[in-house]
All heavy atoms as atom14 arrays in JSON, in Angstrom:
{
  "sequence": "QIEGRIQAQGRGSQIEIEMKLHPAVIIFMCVWLGIVGQGALM",
  "atom14_mask": [
    [1, 1, 1, 1, 1, 1, 1, 1, 1, 0, 0, 0, 0, 0],
    [1, 1, 1, 1, 1, 1, 1, 1, 0, 0, 0, 0, 0, 0],
    [1, 1, 1, 1, 1, 1, 1, 1, 1, 0, 0, 0, 0, 0],
    [1, 1, 1, 1, 0, 0, 0, 0, 0, 0, 0, 0, 0, 0],
    [1, 1, 1, 1, 1, 1, 1, 1, 1, 1, 1, 0, 0, 0],
    [1, 1, 1, 1, 1, 1, 1, 1, 0, 0, 0, 0, 0, 0],
    [1, 1, 1, 1, 1, 1, 1, 1, 1, 0, 0, 0, 0, 0],
    [1, 1, 1, 1, 1, 0, 0, 0, 0, 0, 0, 0, 0, 0],
    [1, 1, 1, 1, 1, 1, 1, 1, 1, 0, 0, 0, 0, 0],
    [1, 1, 1, 1, 0, 0, 0, 0, 0, 0, 0, 0, 0, 0],
    [1, 1, 1, 1, 1, 1, 1, 1, 1, 1, 1, 0, 0, 0],
    [1, 1, 1, 1, 0, 0, 0, 0, 0, 0, 0, 0, 0, 0],
    [1, 1, 1, 1, 1, 1, 0, 0, 0, 0, 0, 0, 0, 0],
    [1, 1, 1, 1, 1, 1, 1, 1, 1, 0, 0, 0, 0, 0],
    [1, 1, 1, 1, 1, 1, 1, 1, 0, 0, 0, 0, 0, 0],
    [1, 1, 1, 1, 1, 1, 1, 1, 1, 0, 0, 0, 0, 0],
    [1, 1, 1, 1, 1, 1, 1, 1, 0, 0, 0, 0, 0, 0],
    [1, 1, 1, 1, 1, 1, 1, 1, 1, 0, 0, 0, 0, 0],
    [1, 1, 1, 1, 1, 1, 1, 1, 0, 0, 0, 0, 0, 0],
    [1, 1, 1, 1, 1, 1, 1, 1, 1, 0, 0, 0, 0, 0],
    [1, 1, 1, 1, 1, 1, 1, 1, 0, 0, 0, 0, 0, 0],
    [1, 1, 1, 1, 1, 1, 1, 1, 1, 1, 0, 0, 0, 0],
    [1, 1, 1, 1, 1, 1, 1, 0, 0, 0, 0, 0, 0, 0],
    [1, 1, 1, 1, 1, 0, 0, 0, 0, 0, 0, 0, 0, 0],
    [1, 1, 1, 1, 1, 1, 1, 0, 0, 0, 0, 0, 0, 0],
    [1, 1, 1, 1, 1, 1, 1, 1, 0, 0, 0, 0, 0, 0],
    [1, 1, 1, 1, 1, 1, 1, 1, 0, 0, 0, 0, 0, 0],
    [1, 1, 1, 1, 1, 1, 1, 1, 1, 1, 1, 0, 0, 0],
    [1, 1, 1, 1, 1, 1, 1, 1, 0, 0, 0, 0, 0, 0],
    [1, 1, 1, 1, 1, 1, 0, 0, 0, 0, 0, 0, 0, 0],
    [1, 1, 1, 1, 1, 1, 1, 0, 0, 0, 0, 0, 0, 0],
    [1, 1, 1, 1, 1, 1, 1, 1, 1, 1, 1, 1, 1, 1],
    [1, 1, 1, 1, 1, 1, 1, 1, 0, 0, 0, 0, 0, 0],
    [1, 1, 1, 1, 0, 0, 0, 0, 0, 0, 0, 0, 0, 0],
    [1, 1, 1, 1, 1, 1, 1, 1, 0, 0, 0, 0, 0, 0],
    [1, 1, 1, 1, 1, 1, 1, 0, 0, 0, 0, 0, 0, 0],
    [1, 1, 1, 1, 0, 0, 0, 0, 0, 0, 0, 0, 0, 0],
    [1, 1, 1, 1, 1, 1, 1, 1, 1, 0, 0, 0, 0, 0],
    [1, 1, 1, 1, 0, 0, 0, 0, 0, 0, 0, 0, 0, 0],
    [1, 1, 1, 1, 1, 0, 0, 0, 0, 0, 0, 0, 0, 0],
    [1, 1, 1, 1, 1, 1, 1, 1, 0, 0, 0, 0, 0, 0],
    [1, 1, 1, 1, 1, 1, 1, 1, 0, 0, 0, 0, 0, 0]
  ],
  "atom14_positions": [
    [[20.22, -57.92, -12.69], [21.28, -58.76, -13.27], [20.54, -59.53, -14.3], [19.55, -60.27, -14.0], [21.88, -59.75, -12.16], [22.42, -58.94, -11.01], [23.61, -58.05, -11.37], [24.62, -58.42, -11.93], [23.39, -56.75, -10.98], [0.0, 0.0, 0.0], [0.0, 0.0, 0.0], [0.0, 0.0, 0.0], [0.0, 0.0, 0.0], [0.0, 0.0, 0.0]],
    [[21.0, -59.43, -15.52], [20.26, -59.98, -16.7], [20.94, -61.29, -17.15], [22.18, -61.24, -17.55], [20.15, -58.92, -17.76], [19.55, -57.65, -17.25], [19.31, -59.53, -18.92], [19.64, -56.43, -18.2], [0.0, 0.0, 0.0], [0.0, 0.0, 0.0], [0.0, 0.0, 0.0], [0.0, 0.0, 0.0], [0.0, 0.0, 0.0], [0.0, 0.0, 0.0]],
    [[20.26, -62.38, -17.24], [20.83, -63.56, -17.72], [19.89, -64.07, -18.87], [18.62, -64.03, -18.84], [20.76, -64.74, -16.7], [21.64, -64.36, -15.5], [21.76, -65.49, -14.48], [21.3, -66.62, -14.7], [22.21, -65.21, -13.3], [0.0, 0.0, 0.0], [0.0, 0.0, 0.0], [0.0, 0.0, 0.0], [0.0, 0.0, 0.0], [0.0, 0.0, 0.0]],
    [[20.49, -64.51, -19.96], [19.7, -64.93, -21.12], [20.29, -66.19, -21.75], [21.5, -66.45, -21.68], [0.0, 0.0, 0.0], [0.0, 0.0, 0.0], [0.0, 0.0, 0.0], [0.0, 0.0, 0.0], [0.0, 0.0, 0.0], [0.0, 0.0, 0.0], [0.0, 0.0, 0.0], [0.0, 0.0, 0.0], [0.0, 0.0, 0.0], [0.0, 0.0, 0.0]],
    [[19.4, -67.0, -22.39], [19.75, -68.14, -23.1], [19.25, -67.94, -24.54], [18.02, -67.6, -24.76], [19.16, -69.46, -22.47], [19.8, -69.78, -21.21], [19.34, -71.08, -20.73], [17.98, -71.38, -20.59], [17.21, -70.91, -19.61], [17.71, -70.44, -18.53], [15.86, -71.21, -19.64], [0.0, 0.0, 0.0], [0.0, 0.0, 0.0], [0.0, 0.0, 0.0]],
    [[20.1, -68.2, -25.51], [19.87, -68.04, -26.88], [19.58, -69.37, -27.5], [20.6, -70.28, -27.41], [20.95, -67.29, -27.58], [21.28, -65.91, -26.86], [20.57, -67.04, -29.07], [22.63, -65.4, -27.26], [0.0, 0.0, 0.0], [0.0, 0.0, 0.0], [0.0, 0.0, 0.0], [0.0, 0.0, 0.0], [0.0, 0.0, 0.0], [0.0, 0.0, 0.0]],
    [[18.44, -69.58, -28.13], [18.24, -70.85, -28.89], [17.76, -70.59, -30.28], [17.0, -69.62, -30.49], [17.1, -71.65, -28.18], [17.49, -71.92, -26.6], [16.24, -72.51, -25.94], [15.1, -72.33, -26.34], [16.54, -73.12, -24.83], [0.0, 0.0, 0.0], [0.0, 0.0, 0.0], [0.0, 0.0, 0.0], [0.0, 0.0, 0.0], [0.0, 0.0, 0.0]],
    [[18.18, -71.39, -31.19], [17.76, -71.3, -32.64], [16.27, -71.71, -32.64], [15.85, -72.62, -32.02], [18.55, -72.19, -33.52], [0.0, 0.0, 0.0], [0.0, 0.0, 0.0], [0.0, 0.0, 0.0], [0.0, 0.0, 0.0], [0.0, 0.0, 0.0], [0.0, 0.0, 0.0], [0.0, 0.0, 0.0], [0.0, 0.0, 0.0], [0.0, 0.0, 0.0]],
    [[15.5, -70.92, -33.38], [14.18, -71.31, -33.67], [13.8, -70.96, -35.11], [13.68, -69.77, -35.46], [13.23, -70.57, -32.7], [11.82, -70.89, -32.81], [10.88, -70.16, -31.79], [11.31, -69.47, -31.0], [9.55, -70.3, -32.07], [0.0, 0.0, 0.0], [0.0, 0.0, 0.0], [0.0, 0.0, 0.0], [0.0, 0.0, 0.0], [0.0, 0.0, 0.0]],
    [[13.69, -72.02, -35.92], [13.28, -71.75, -37.21], [14.5, -70.93, -37.91], [15.61, -71.32, -37.79], [0.0, 0.0, 0.0], [0.0, 0.0, 0.0], [0.0, 0.0, 0.0], [0.0, 0.0, 0.0], [0.0, 0.0, 0.0], [0.0, 0.0, 0.0], [0.0, 0.0, 0.0], [0.0, 0.0, 0.0], [0.0, 0.0, 0.0], [0.0, 0.0, 0.0]],
    [[14.06, -69.9, -38.6], [15.17, -69.04, -39.24], [15.76, -68.03, -38.31], [16.65, -67.33, -38.56], [14.59, -68.38, -40.5], [14.2, -69.29, -41.63], [13.8, -68.38, -42.73], [13.16, -69.25, -43.72], [12.37, -68.91, -44.74], [12.14, -67.66, -44.91], [11.98, -69.88, -45.64], [0.0, 0.0, 0.0], [0.0, 0.0, 0.0], [0.0, 0.0, 0.0]],
    [[15.16, -67.94, -37.13], [15.57, -66.85, -36.12], [16.04, -67.44, -34.77], [16.66, -68.61, -34.84], [0.0, 0.0, 0.0], [0.0, 0.0, 0.0], [0.0, 0.0, 0.0], [0.0, 0.0, 0.0], [0.0, 0.0, 0.0], [0.0, 0.0, 0.0], [0.0, 0.0, 0.0], [0.0, 0.0, 0.0], [0.0, 0.0, 0.0], [0.0, 0.0, 0.0]],
    [[15.71, -66.76, -33.79], [16.19, -67.19, -32.41], [15.1, -66.92, -31.41], [14.28, -66.02, -31.58], [17.39, -66.39, -32.03], [18.47, -66.66, -32.96], [0.0, 0.0, 0.0], [0.0, 0.0, 0.0], [0.0, 0.0, 0.0], [0.0, 0.0, 0.0], [0.0, 0.0, 0.0], [0.0, 0.0, 0.0], [0.0, 0.0, 0.0], [0.0, 0.0, 0.0]],
    [[15.26, -67.63, -30.28], [14.38, -67.42, -29.19], [15.32, -67.11, -28.01], [16.21, -67.93, -27.77], [13.5, -68.47, -28.85], [12.44, -68.32, -27.8], [11.46, -69.43, -27.65], [11.89, -70.59, -27.75], [10.31, -69.19, -27.44], [0.0, 0.0, 0.0], [0.0, 0.0, 0.0], [0.0, 0.0, 0.0], [0.0, 0.0, 0.0], [0.0, 0.0, 0.0]],
    [[15.11, -65.92, -27.31], [15.98, -65.56, -26.21], [15.18, -65.58, -24.88], [14.3, -64.78, -24.85], [16.56, -64.13, -26.51], [17.3, -64.2, -27.93], [17.59, -63.83, -25.39], [17.3, -62.74, -28.53], [0.0, 0.0, 0.0], [0.0, 0.0, 0.0], [0.0, 0.0, 0.0], [0.0, 0.0, 0.0], [0.0, 0.0, 0.0], [0.0, 0.0, 0.0]],
    [[15.53, -66.39, -23.96], [14.82, -66.52, -22.7], [15.66, -65.62, -21.73], [16.89, -65.86, -21.57], [14.72, -67.96, -22.21], [13.84, -68.75, -23.1], [13.89, -70.26, -22.63], [14.34, -70.55, -21.56], [13.34, -71.13, -23.34], [0.0, 0.0, 0.0], [0.0, 0.0, 0.0], [0.0, 0.0, 0.0], [0.0, 0.0, 0.0], [0.0, 0.0, 0.0]],
    [[14.98, -64.68, -21.09], [15.72, -63.69, -20.33], [15.14, -63.71, -18.92], [13.9, -63.84, -18.7], [15.6, -62.24, -20.96], [16.24, -62.35, -22.3], [16.2, -61.25, -19.96], [16.2, -61.0, -23.09], [0.0, 0.0, 0.0], [0.0, 0.0, 0.0], [0.0, 0.0, 0.0], [0.0, 0.0, 0.0], [0.0, 0.0, 0.0], [0.0, 0.0, 0.0]],
    [[15.96, -63.62, -17.94], [15.59, -63.47, -16.53], [16.41, -62.3, -15.99], [17.58, -62.24, -16.06], [15.86, -64.77, -15.69], [15.51, -64.69, -14.29], [15.67, -65.97, -13.48], [16.38, -66.86, -13.97], [15.15, -66.06, -12.35], [0.0, 0.0, 0.0], [0.0, 0.0, 0.0], [0.0, 0.0, 0.0], [0.0, 0.0, 0.0], [0.0, 0.0, 0.0]],
    [[15.63, -61.41, -15.27], [16.16, -60.31, -14.64], [15.92, -60.5, -13.11], [14.79, -60.66, -12.75], [15.6, -58.93, -15.18], [15.83, -58.62, -16.5], [15.2, -56.96, -16.91], [15.15, -57.01, -18.69], [0.0, 0.0, 0.0], [0.0, 0.0, 0.0], [0.0, 0.0, 0.0], [0.0, 0.0, 0.0], [0.0, 0.0, 0.0], [0.0, 0.0, 0.0]],
    [[16.99, -60.44, -12.31], [16.84, -60.54, -10.88], [17.83, -59.81, -10.14], [18.77, -59.25, -10.79], [17.01, -62.15, -10.54], [18.24, -62.74, -11.03], [18.22, -64.2, -10.83], [19.46, -64.85, -11.46], [19.5, -66.27, -11.29], [0.0, 0.0, 0.0], [0.0, 0.0, 0.0], [0.0, 0.0, 0.0], [0.0, 0.0, 0.0], [0.0, 0.0, 0.0]],
    [[17.7, -59.68, -8.93], [18.65, -58.95, -8.01], [19.94, -59.77, -7.83], [19.95, -61.1, -7.92], [18.04, -58.72, -6.61], [16.89, -57.78, -6.54], [16.37, -57.73, -5.19], [17.22, -56.39, -7.06], [0.0, 0.0, 0.0], [0.0, 0.0, 0.0], [0.0, 0.0, 0.0], [0.0, 0.0, 0.0], [0.0, 0.0, 0.0], [0.0, 0.0, 0.0]],
    [[21.12, -59.12, -7.53], [22.25, -59.84, -7.2], [22.08, -60.65, -5.98], [21.46, -60.16, -4.97], [23.32, -58.76, -6.96], [24.74, -59.39, -6.96], [25.26, -60.04, -5.89], [25.65, -59.42, -7.94], [26.5, -60.39, -6.13], [26.71, -60.04, -7.37], [0.0, 0.0, 0.0], [0.0, 0.0, 0.0], [0.0, 0.0, 0.0], [0.0, 0.0, 0.0]],
    [[22.63, -61.94, -5.92], [22.44, -62.74, -4.72], [23.0, -62.11, -3.39], [22.29, -62.25, -2.39], [23.28, -63.96, -5.02], [23.38, -64.03, -6.53], [23.35, -62.56, -6.99], [0.0, 0.0, 0.0], [0.0, 0.0, 0.0], [0.0, 0.0, 0.0], [0.0, 0.0, 0.0], [0.0, 0.0, 0.0], [0.0, 0.0, 0.0], [0.0, 0.0, 0.0]],
    [[23.95, -61.3, -3.45], [24.52, -60.64, -2.27], [23.48, -59.69, -1.69], [23.24, -59.52, -0.5], [25.81, -60.0, -2.55], [0.0, 0.0, 0.0], [0.0, 0.0, 0.0], [0.0, 0.0, 0.0], [0.0, 0.0, 0.0], [0.0, 0.0, 0.0], [0.0, 0.0, 0.0], [0.0, 0.0, 0.0], [0.0, 0.0, 0.0], [0.0, 0.0, 0.0]],
    [[22.73, -59.01, -2.59], [21.74, -58.08, -2.2], [20.56, -58.78, -1.58], [20.01, -58.33, -0.59], [21.18, -57.16, -3.43], [20.1, -56.29, -3.07], [22.4, -56.34, -4.0], [0.0, 0.0, 0.0], [0.0, 0.0, 0.0], [0.0, 0.0, 0.0], [0.0, 0.0, 0.0], [0.0, 0.0, 0.0], [0.0, 0.0, 0.0], [0.0, 0.0, 0.0]],
    [[20.22, -59.9, -2.14], [19.1, -60.71, -1.55], [19.42, -61.2, -0.23], [18.61, -61.09, 0.73], [18.77, -61.9, -2.42], [18.1, -61.35, -3.83], [17.78, -62.88, -1.78], [17.95, -62.49, -4.86], [0.0, 0.0, 0.0], [0.0, 0.0, 0.0], [0.0, 0.0, 0.0], [0.0, 0.0, 0.0], [0.0, 0.0, 0.0], [0.0, 0.0, 0.0]],
    [[20.67, -61.64, 0.01], [21.07, -62.12, 1.4], [21.02, -61.01, 2.35], [20.48, -61.12, 3.46], [22.48, -62.78, 1.2], [22.44, -64.11, 0.53], [23.07, -62.96, 2.69], [23.77, -64.68, 0.12], [0.0, 0.0, 0.0], [0.0, 0.0, 0.0], [0.0, 0.0, 0.0], [0.0, 0.0, 0.0], [0.0, 0.0, 0.0], [0.0, 0.0, 0.0]],
    [[21.63, -59.82, 1.99], [21.63, -58.7, 2.8], [20.19, -58.21, 3.23], [19.88, -57.9, 4.37], [22.3, -57.48, 2.26], [22.29, -56.24, 3.04], [23.1, -56.04, 4.1], [21.31, -55.23, 2.68], [22.99, -54.8, 4.9], [21.28, -54.0, 3.4], [22.07, -53.9, 4.55], [0.0, 0.0, 0.0], [0.0, 0.0, 0.0], [0.0, 0.0, 0.0]],
    [[19.37, -58.05, 2.23], [17.99, -57.63, 2.47], [17.19, -58.65, 3.36], [16.45, -58.33, 4.19], [17.23, -57.37, 1.16], [17.64, -56.31, 0.4], [17.59, -54.68, 1.28], [15.8, -54.54, 1.47], [0.0, 0.0, 0.0], [0.0, 0.0, 0.0], [0.0, 0.0, 0.0], [0.0, 0.0, 0.0], [0.0, 0.0, 0.0], [0.0, 0.0, 0.0]],
    [[17.4, -60.0, 3.19], [16.84, -60.96, 4.03], [17.27, -60.83, 5.51], [16.46, -60.75, 6.43], [17.19, -62.34, 3.57], [16.21, -62.87, 2.05], [0.0, 0.0, 0.0], [0.0, 0.0, 0.0], [0.0, 0.0, 0.0], [0.0, 0.0, 0.0], [0.0, 0.0, 0.0], [0.0, 0.0, 0.0], [0.0, 0.0, 0.0], [0.0, 0.0, 0.0]],
    [[18.56, -60.6, 5.72], [19.0, -60.33, 7.11], [18.42, -59.08, 7.63], [17.94, -59.07, 8.78], [20.52, -60.36, 7.09], [21.04, -59.78, 8.46], [21.11, -61.61, 6.76], [0.0, 0.0, 0.0], [0.0, 0.0, 0.0], [0.0, 0.0, 0.0], [0.0, 0.0, 0.0], [0.0, 0.0, 0.0], [0.0, 0.0, 0.0], [0.0, 0.0, 0.0]],
    [[18.53, -57.98, 6.89], [18.1, -56.68, 7.33], [16.61, -56.69, 7.64], [16.13, -56.19, 8.64], [18.46, -55.63, 6.3], [18.23, -54.2, 6.75], [19.06, -53.51, 7.62], [17.16, -53.35, 6.43], [18.54, -52.27, 7.79], [17.38, -52.1, 7.04], [16.06, -53.46, 5.54], [16.53, -50.97, 6.97], [15.19, -52.34, 5.4], [15.49, -51.21, 6.03]],
    [[15.86, -57.18, 6.72], [14.35, -57.26, 6.88], [13.96, -58.24, 7.99], [12.92, -57.96, 8.69], [13.61, -57.64, 5.55], [13.66, -56.69, 4.45], [13.03, -57.34, 3.21], [12.74, -55.48, 4.87], [0.0, 0.0, 0.0], [0.0, 0.0, 0.0], [0.0, 0.0, 0.0], [0.0, 0.0, 0.0], [0.0, 0.0, 0.0], [0.0, 0.0, 0.0]],
    [[14.83, -59.23, 8.2], [14.51, -60.18, 9.34], [14.63, -59.42, 10.71], [13.78, -59.51, 11.6], [0.0, 0.0, 0.0], [0.0, 0.0, 0.0], [0.0, 0.0, 0.0], [0.0, 0.0, 0.0], [0.0, 0.0, 0.0], [0.0, 0.0, 0.0], [0.0, 0.0, 0.0], [0.0, 0.0, 0.0], [0.0, 0.0, 0.0], [0.0, 0.0, 0.0]],
    [[15.71, -58.61, 10.82], [15.81, -57.97, 12.02], [14.84, -56.82, 12.25], [14.23, -56.71, 13.31], [17.34, -57.27, 11.96], [18.44, -58.35, 12.13], [17.53, -56.27, 13.14], [19.93, -57.89, 11.78], [0.0, 0.0, 0.0], [0.0, 0.0, 0.0], [0.0, 0.0, 0.0], [0.0, 0.0, 0.0], [0.0, 0.0, 0.0], [0.0, 0.0, 0.0]],
    [[14.59, -56.1, 11.17], [13.55, -55.04, 11.23], [12.17, -55.63, 11.45], [11.34, -55.09, 12.22], [13.58, -54.06, 10.08], [12.46, -53.12, 9.93], [14.9, -53.26, 9.98], [0.0, 0.0, 0.0], [0.0, 0.0, 0.0], [0.0, 0.0, 0.0], [0.0, 0.0, 0.0], [0.0, 0.0, 0.0], [0.0, 0.0, 0.0], [0.0, 0.0, 0.0]],
    [[11.92, -56.7, 10.92], [10.69, -57.45, 11.13], [10.43, -57.84, 12.47], [9.21, -57.84, 13.0], [0.0, 0.0, 0.0], [0.0, 0.0, 0.0], [0.0, 0.0, 0.0], [0.0, 0.0, 0.0], [0.0, 0.0, 0.0], [0.0, 0.0, 0.0], [0.0, 0.0, 0.0], [0.0, 0.0, 0.0], [0.0, 0.0, 0.0], [0.0, 0.0, 0.0]],
    [[11.47, -58.25, 13.2], [11.35, -58.56, 14.57], [10.94, -57.35, 15.37], [10.12, -57.43, 16.28], [12.62, -59.16, 15.17], [12.94, -60.65, 14.75], [14.22, -61.11, 15.18], [15.12, -60.43, 15.62], [14.27, -62.44, 15.24], [0.0, 0.0, 0.0], [0.0, 0.0, 0.0], [0.0, 0.0, 0.0], [0.0, 0.0, 0.0], [0.0, 0.0, 0.0]],
    [[11.57, -56.25, 15.05], [11.19, -54.91, 15.71], [9.74, -54.61, 15.52], [9.03, -54.11, 16.36], [0.0, 0.0, 0.0], [0.0, 0.0, 0.0], [0.0, 0.0, 0.0], [0.0, 0.0, 0.0], [0.0, 0.0, 0.0], [0.0, 0.0, 0.0], [0.0, 0.0, 0.0], [0.0, 0.0, 0.0], [0.0, 0.0, 0.0], [0.0, 0.0, 0.0]],
    [[9.29, -54.86, 14.29], [7.85, -54.56, 13.93], [6.93, -55.47, 14.66], [5.82, -55.05, 15.12], [7.61, -54.72, 12.41], [0.0, 0.0, 0.0], [0.0, 0.0, 0.0], [0.0, 0.0, 0.0], [0.0, 0.0, 0.0], [0.0, 0.0, 0.0], [0.0, 0.0, 0.0], [0.0, 0.0, 0.0], [0.0, 0.0, 0.0], [0.0, 0.0, 0.0]],
    [[7.4, -56.73, 14.87], [6.54, -57.66, 15.7], [6.41, -57.17, 17.09], [5.42, -57.34, 17.76], [7.07, -59.06, 15.54], [6.79, -59.78, 14.22], [7.46, -61.11, 14.21], [5.34, -59.98, 13.93], [0.0, 0.0, 0.0], [0.0, 0.0, 0.0], [0.0, 0.0, 0.0], [0.0, 0.0, 0.0], [0.0, 0.0, 0.0], [0.0, 0.0, 0.0]],
    [[7.51, -56.72, 17.63], [7.56, -56.18, 18.9], [6.67, -54.99, 19.13], [5.97, -54.82, 20.14], [8.96, -55.73, 19.38], [9.9, -56.95, 19.67], [11.57, -56.66, 20.09], [11.62, -55.01, 20.63], [0.0, 0.0, 0.0], [0.0, 0.0, 0.0], [0.0, 0.0, 0.0], [0.0, 0.0, 0.0], [0.0, 0.0, 0.0], [0.0, 0.0, 0.0]]
  ]
}
């Protein structure tokens, strides 16, 4: 998921970009890895 901020800089621009996972995917993976991690600890 690509988020960017555009700022004027001199005659041009500066674009700050962040690429990250969708928040729902992060939540799902945290739950899934938490459950599987408990099994690995066992």
